[in-house]
Amino acid sequence: MDQQERKRKRALIVFQIFIYGYLLTMFGIQLYMSFARGWWEL
């Protein structure tokens, strides 16, 4: 029972890190694209 709970918690943490990493990557790509567009216009 205790081991299963630990595994579940670890899975949740990994899942959260994956989601946050994905969101940060998307945000970074958006920022990079907008910056690139701005630089090209300049």
C-alpha atoms as a PDB file:
ATOM      1  CA  MET A   1       0.000   0.000   0.000  1.00  0.00           C
ATOM      2  CA  ASP A   2       2.727   2.451   1.009  1.00  0.00           C
ATOM      3  CA  GLN A   3       4.883   1.622  -1.999  1.00  0.00           C
ATOM      4  CA  GLN A   4       1.952   2.076  -4.375  1.00  0.00           C
ATOM      5  CA  GLU A   5       1.226   5.500  -2.875  1.00  0.00           C
ATOM      6  CA  ARG A   6       4.866   6.496  -3.315  1.00  0.00           C
ATOM      7  CA  LYS A   7       4.787   5.372  -6.964  1.00  0.00           C
ATOM      8  CA  ARG A   8       1.586   7.345  -7.545  1.00  0.00           C
ATOM      9  CA  LYS A   9       3.097  10.490  -6.015  1.00  0.00           C
ATOM     10  CA  ARG A  10       6.240  10.132  -8.129  1.00  0.00           C
ATOM     11  CA  ALA A  11       4.127   9.636 -11.274  1.00  0.00           C
ATOM     12  CA  LEU A  12       2.124  12.777 -10.453  1.00  0.00           C
ATOM     13  CA  ILE A  13       5.309  14.803  -9.928  1.00  0.00           C
ATOM     14  CA  VAL A  14       6.791  13.557 -13.216  1.00  0.00           C
ATOM     15  CA  PHE A  15       3.502  14.333 -14.991  1.00  0.00           C
ATOM     16  CA  GLN A  16       3.446  17.878 -13.564  1.00  0.00           C
ATOM     17  CA  ILE A  17       7.076  18.476 -14.569  1.00  0.00           C
ATOM     18  CA  PHE A  18       6.259  17.236 -18.090  1.00  0.00           C
ATOM     19  CA  ILE A  19       3.247  19.586 -18.352  1.00  0.00           C
ATOM     20  CA  TYR A  20       5.205  22.574 -17.033  1.00  0.00           C
ATOM     21  CA  GLY A  21       8.102  21.816 -19.366  1.00  0.00           C
ATOM     22  CA  TYR A  22       5.731  21.613 -22.333  1.00  0.00           C
ATOM     23  CA  LEU A  23       4.069  24.934 -21.425  1.00  0.00           C
ATOM     24  CA  LEU A  24       7.434  26.629 -20.907  1.00  0.00           C
ATOM     25  CA  THR A  25       8.665  25.292 -24.251  1.00  0.00           C
ATOM     26  CA  MET A  26       5.579  26.631 -26.047  1.00  0.00           C
ATOM     27  CA  PHE A  27       5.963  29.997 -24.283  1.00  0.00           C
ATOM     28  CA  GLY A  28       9.646  30.129 -25.204  1.00  0.00           C
ATOM     29  CA  ILE A  29       8.912  29.344 -28.858  1.00  0.00           C
ATOM     30  CA  GLN A  30       6.268  32.099 -28.957  1.00  0.00           C
ATOM     31  CA  LEU A  31       8.710  34.579 -27.406  1.00  0.00           C
ATOM     32  CA  TYR A  32      11.474  33.534 -29.800  1.00  0.00           C
ATOM     33  CA  MET A  33       9.193  33.868 -32.833  1.00  0.00           C
ATOM     34  CA  SER A  34       7.966  37.327 -31.784  1.00  0.00           C
ATOM     35  CA  PHE A  35      11.544  38.453 -31.070  1.00  0.00           C
ATOM     36  CA  ALA A  36      12.736  37.101 -34.440  1.00  0.00           C
ATOM     37  CA  ARG A  37       9.906  38.929 -36.208  1.00  0.00           C
ATOM     38  CA  GLY A  38      10.752  42.147 -34.354  1.00  0.00           C
ATOM     39  CA  TRP A  39      14.437  41.849 -35.208  1.00  0.00           C
ATOM     40  CA  TRP A  40      13.638  41.217 -38.875  1.00  0.00           C
ATOM     41  CA  GLU A  41      11.426  44.324 -38.952  1.00  0.00           C
ATOM     42  CA  LEU A  42      14.229  46.397 -37.411  1.00  0.00           C
END
